């Protein structure tokens, strides 16, 4: 199998290795949770995931297009250019949290996400969506309505849904930064362990059985 290489994207500018080929290319479209907020890029879970898959000789190239502070509005606006630039086979959407923290209407958040899914599918890109959650102090009604968005989209579009990767980490002392929102350096490998098989299987279930 061919090697995997993590391409780190900053402000949509990529740095890639020459002569690296792969059967699949996973574009990570996310916010600060995927952009290694407060850490170096090499300490973040996306980079560590790429290293893990490389060590396993899984034929998936990873492009990290996550930007701290990004919203579904920003992701939707950036997506066409990212597709043109990177030509991914798969899109992993990790967005929505910042919309919710700003109190955006869940219907608008859902519509933006649906538009992203459809934009990708129109380019024959398979989509994986990340469930997102917010602190309970936003109220039970809004919190439930927000989290339900991701389940509804996964069901309506028949795409894989990845459970929120901070659900347990956020409750563990020492694994969140002082802001209570972003995971620490120590939490990043734990996120990788939580996501690695789930994402690889979502890309191609045969990757874990070969």
Protein backbone atom coordinates (compact mmCIF):
# COMPACT_ATOMS: atom_id res chain seq x y z
CA UNK A 1 0.00 0.00 0.00
CA UNK A 2 1.08 3.57 -0.63
CA UNK A 3 2.11 5.97 2.10
CA UNK A 4 0.07 8.61 3.79
CA UNK A 5 1.29 12.16 4.18
CA UNK A 6 -0.35 14.85 6.29
CA UNK A 7 -0.71 18.11 4.43
CA UNK A 8 -1.12 20.98 6.87
CA UNK A 9 -3.21 23.83 5.50
CA UNK A 10 -2.91 27.36 6.89
CA UNK A 11 -5.17 30.01 5.37
CA UNK A 12 -5.78 27.62 2.49
CA UNK A 13 -2.07 27.39 1.62
CA UNK A 14 -0.84 23.79 1.52
CA UNK A 15 2.57 22.25 2.05
CA UNK A 16 2.87 18.82 0.51
CA UNK A 17 5.51 16.18 -0.15
CA UNK A 18 6.61 15.32 -3.65
CA UNK A 19 5.95 11.90 -5.14
CA UNK A 20 3.49 10.91 -2.41
CA UNK A 21 0.53 9.02 -3.75
CA UNK A 22 -2.47 7.53 -2.03
CA UNK A 23 -5.65 5.73 -2.87
CA UNK A 24 -7.78 8.08 -0.75
CA UNK A 25 -7.52 11.72 0.23
CA UNK A 26 -9.41 12.92 3.32
CA UNK A 27 -10.05 16.66 3.58
CA UNK A 28 -10.63 17.81 7.15
CA UNK A 29 -12.87 20.88 7.14
CA UNK A 30 -13.01 22.01 10.74
CA UNK A 31 -12.50 24.66 13.38
CA UNK A 32 -10.10 25.10 16.31
CA UNK A 33 -10.77 21.58 17.61
CA UNK A 34 -9.05 20.23 14.49
CA UNK A 35 -6.64 23.14 14.00
CA UNK A 36 -4.59 22.37 17.14
CA UNK A 37 -5.63 25.55 18.91
CA UNK A 38 -3.03 26.57 21.51
CA UNK A 39 -0.62 23.90 20.26
CA UNK A 40 1.78 23.38 17.38
CA UNK A 41 0.33 21.73 14.28
CA UNK A 42 2.47 18.67 14.94
CA UNK A 43 0.87 18.24 18.38
CA UNK A 44 -2.67 18.26 17.02
CA UNK A 45 -4.79 15.17 16.51
CA UNK A 46 -5.01 15.54 12.72
CA UNK A 47 -1.23 15.40 12.33
CA UNK A 48 -0.98 12.55 14.83
CA UNK A 49 -3.74 10.65 13.05
CA UNK A 50 -1.87 10.95 9.77
CA UNK A 51 1.24 9.56 11.44
CA UNK A 52 -0.72 6.67 12.91
CA UNK A 53 -2.27 5.75 9.58
CA UNK A 54 1.13 6.03 7.93
CA UNK A 55 2.59 3.62 10.48
CA UNK A 56 -0.27 1.25 9.68
CA UNK A 57 0.40 1.69 5.93
CA UNK A 58 -3.18 2.77 5.35
CA UNK A 59 -3.51 4.40 1.91
CA UNK A 60 -5.13 7.64 3.07
CA UNK A 61 -3.66 11.09 2.55
CA UNK A 62 -4.85 13.74 5.00
CA UNK A 63 -5.31 17.42 4.20
CA UNK A 64 -6.01 19.59 7.22
CA UNK A 65 -8.06 22.63 6.18
CA UNK A 66 -9.27 23.43 9.69
CA UNK A 67 -9.14 27.06 10.79
CA UNK A 68 -9.64 28.28 14.36
CA UNK A 69 -12.87 30.21 14.74
CA UNK A 70 -14.41 28.86 11.55
CA UNK A 71 -18.17 28.46 11.27
CA UNK A 72 -20.43 26.57 8.90
CA UNK A 73 -20.76 29.82 6.95
CA UNK A 74 -17.00 30.04 6.51
CA UNK A 75 -16.64 26.36 5.71
CA UNK A 76 -19.34 26.54 3.06
CA UNK A 77 -17.66 29.56 1.47
CA UNK A 78 -14.22 27.89 1.47
CA UNK A 79 -15.27 24.44 0.33
CA UNK A 80 -15.44 24.91 -3.47
CA UNK A 81 -11.90 26.24 -3.61
CA UNK A 82 -10.62 23.50 -1.30
CA UNK A 83 -12.21 20.86 -3.51
CA UNK A 84 -10.64 22.39 -6.60
CA UNK A 85 -7.25 22.71 -4.92
CA UNK A 86 -7.00 19.30 -3.25
CA UNK A 87 -9.37 17.01 -5.19
CA UNK A 88 -10.27 14.90 -2.13
CA UNK A 89 -12.07 11.58 -2.29
CA UNK A 90 -13.58 12.14 1.18
CA UNK A 91 -14.66 15.15 3.22
CA UNK A 92 -14.75 15.13 7.02
CA UNK A 93 -16.87 18.01 8.33
CA UNK A 94 -16.11 19.14 11.88
CA UNK A 95 -17.99 22.43 12.06
CA UNK A 96 -20.93 24.03 13.81
CA UNK A 97 -19.64 24.54 17.31
CA UNK A 98 -18.76 28.19 16.79
CA UNK A 99 -22.15 28.85 15.23
CA UNK A 100 -23.83 27.43 18.31
CA UNK A 101 -21.58 29.35 20.72
CA UNK A 102 -22.73 32.49 18.91
CA UNK A 103 -26.37 31.46 19.25
CA UNK A 104 -27.07 30.93 15.56
CA UNK A 105 -30.38 29.44 14.48
CA UNK A 106 -30.09 25.62 14.30
CA UNK A 107 -32.03 25.63 11.03
CA UNK A 108 -29.42 27.88 9.45
CA UNK A 109 -26.58 25.72 10.77
CA UNK A 110 -28.23 22.63 9.34
CA UNK A 111 -28.78 24.26 5.98
CA UNK A 112 -25.14 25.28 5.73
CA UNK A 113 -24.03 21.75 6.58
CA UNK A 114 -26.47 20.25 4.09
CA UNK A 115 -25.14 22.59 1.42
CA UNK A 116 -21.60 21.44 2.20
CA UNK A 117 -22.61 17.81 1.92
CA UNK A 118 -24.34 18.42 -1.39
CA UNK A 119 -21.44 20.48 -2.74
CA UNK A 120 -19.10 17.60 -2.00
CA UNK A 121 -21.44 14.95 -3.35
CA UNK A 122 -21.83 16.92 -6.59
CA UNK A 123 -18.08 16.42 -7.02
CA UNK A 124 -18.36 12.68 -6.22
CA UNK A 125 -16.77 13.19 -2.81
CA UNK A 126 -17.97 10.99 0.03
CA UNK A 127 -18.81 12.87 3.21
CA UNK A 128 -18.29 12.01 6.87
CA UNK A 129 -19.88 14.28 9.46
CA UNK A 130 -18.73 14.86 13.02
CA UNK A 131 -21.33 15.16 15.75
CA UNK A 132 -20.80 18.37 17.70
CA UNK A 133 -21.89 19.28 21.21
CA UNK A 134 -21.92 22.47 23.27
CA UNK A 135 -21.97 23.23 27.01
CA UNK A 136 -25.30 22.66 28.71
CA UNK A 137 -25.51 26.25 29.92
CA UNK A 138 -26.96 27.20 26.54
CA UNK A 139 -30.19 25.62 27.66
CA UNK A 140 -31.59 22.12 27.20
CA UNK A 141 -33.81 23.05 24.27
CA UNK A 142 -31.12 24.74 22.20
CA UNK A 143 -28.48 22.16 23.12
CA UNK A 144 -30.72 19.29 22.02
CA UNK A 145 -31.76 21.06 18.83
CA UNK A 146 -28.12 21.71 17.95
CA UNK A 147 -26.84 18.17 18.54
CA UNK A 148 -29.83 16.73 16.68
CA UNK A 149 -28.71 18.54 13.52
CA UNK A 150 -25.86 16.14 12.90
CA UNK A 151 -27.94 13.02 13.45
CA UNK A 152 -30.63 14.34 11.11
CA UNK A 153 -28.13 15.10 8.36
CA UNK A 154 -26.46 11.69 8.68
CA UNK A 155 -29.83 9.99 8.40
CA UNK A 156 -31.24 12.15 5.64
CA UNK A 157 -28.08 12.01 3.50
CA UNK A 158 -27.11 8.44 4.50
CA UNK A 159 -23.57 9.40 5.49
CA UNK A 160 -21.37 8.23 8.39
CA UNK A 161 -21.75 10.08 11.69
CA UNK A 162 -18.78 10.15 14.07
CA UNK A 163 -19.67 10.58 17.78
CA UNK A 164 -18.40 13.75 19.45
CA UNK A 165 -14.74 13.07 20.19
CA UNK A 166 -14.53 15.26 23.30
CA UNK A 167 -17.49 13.78 25.15
CA UNK A 168 -15.36 11.90 27.69
CA UNK A 169 -12.25 14.05 27.44
CA UNK A 170 -14.13 17.23 28.36
CA UNK A 171 -15.12 15.67 31.69
CA UNK A 172 -11.60 14.58 32.63
CA UNK A 173 -9.43 16.98 34.69
CA UNK A 174 -6.25 18.05 32.95
CA UNK A 175 -7.36 17.22 29.43
CA UNK A 176 -8.90 20.59 28.60
CA UNK A 177 -7.18 23.95 28.29
CA UNK A 178 -8.05 26.74 30.68
CA UNK A 179 -10.85 27.99 28.43
CA UNK A 180 -12.69 24.70 28.98
CA UNK A 181 -13.31 24.38 25.25
CA UNK A 182 -10.09 23.18 23.67
CA UNK A 183 -8.28 19.90 24.43
CA UNK A 184 -4.73 19.91 25.76
CA UNK A 185 -1.65 18.38 24.18
CA UNK A 186 -2.16 15.32 26.39
CA UNK A 187 -5.67 14.83 25.01
CA UNK A 188 -4.65 14.78 21.35
CA UNK A 189 -3.42 11.15 21.24
CA UNK A 190 -6.64 10.13 22.99
CA UNK A 191 -8.65 11.81 20.25
CA UNK A 192 -6.60 9.88 17.70
CA UNK A 193 -7.34 6.58 19.41
CA UNK A 194 -11.03 7.45 19.45
CA UNK A 195 -11.17 8.49 15.81
CA UNK A 196 -8.60 6.39 13.94
CA UNK A 197 -10.61 3.23 13.29
CA UNK A 198 -13.91 5.07 13.00
CA UNK A 199 -12.63 7.38 10.31
CA UNK A 200 -10.67 4.70 8.48
CA UNK A 201 -13.75 2.50 8.41
CA UNK A 202 -15.86 5.40 7.16
CA UNK A 203 -13.39 5.94 4.33
CA UNK A 204 -13.33 2.24 3.41
CA UNK A 205 -14.29 -0.56 5.80
CA UNK A 206 -11.91 -2.91 3.99
CA UNK A 207 -8.93 -0.94 5.29
CA UNK A 208 -9.34 -2.51 8.72
CA UNK A 209 -9.79 -6.06 7.47
CA UNK A 210 -6.94 -6.39 4.98
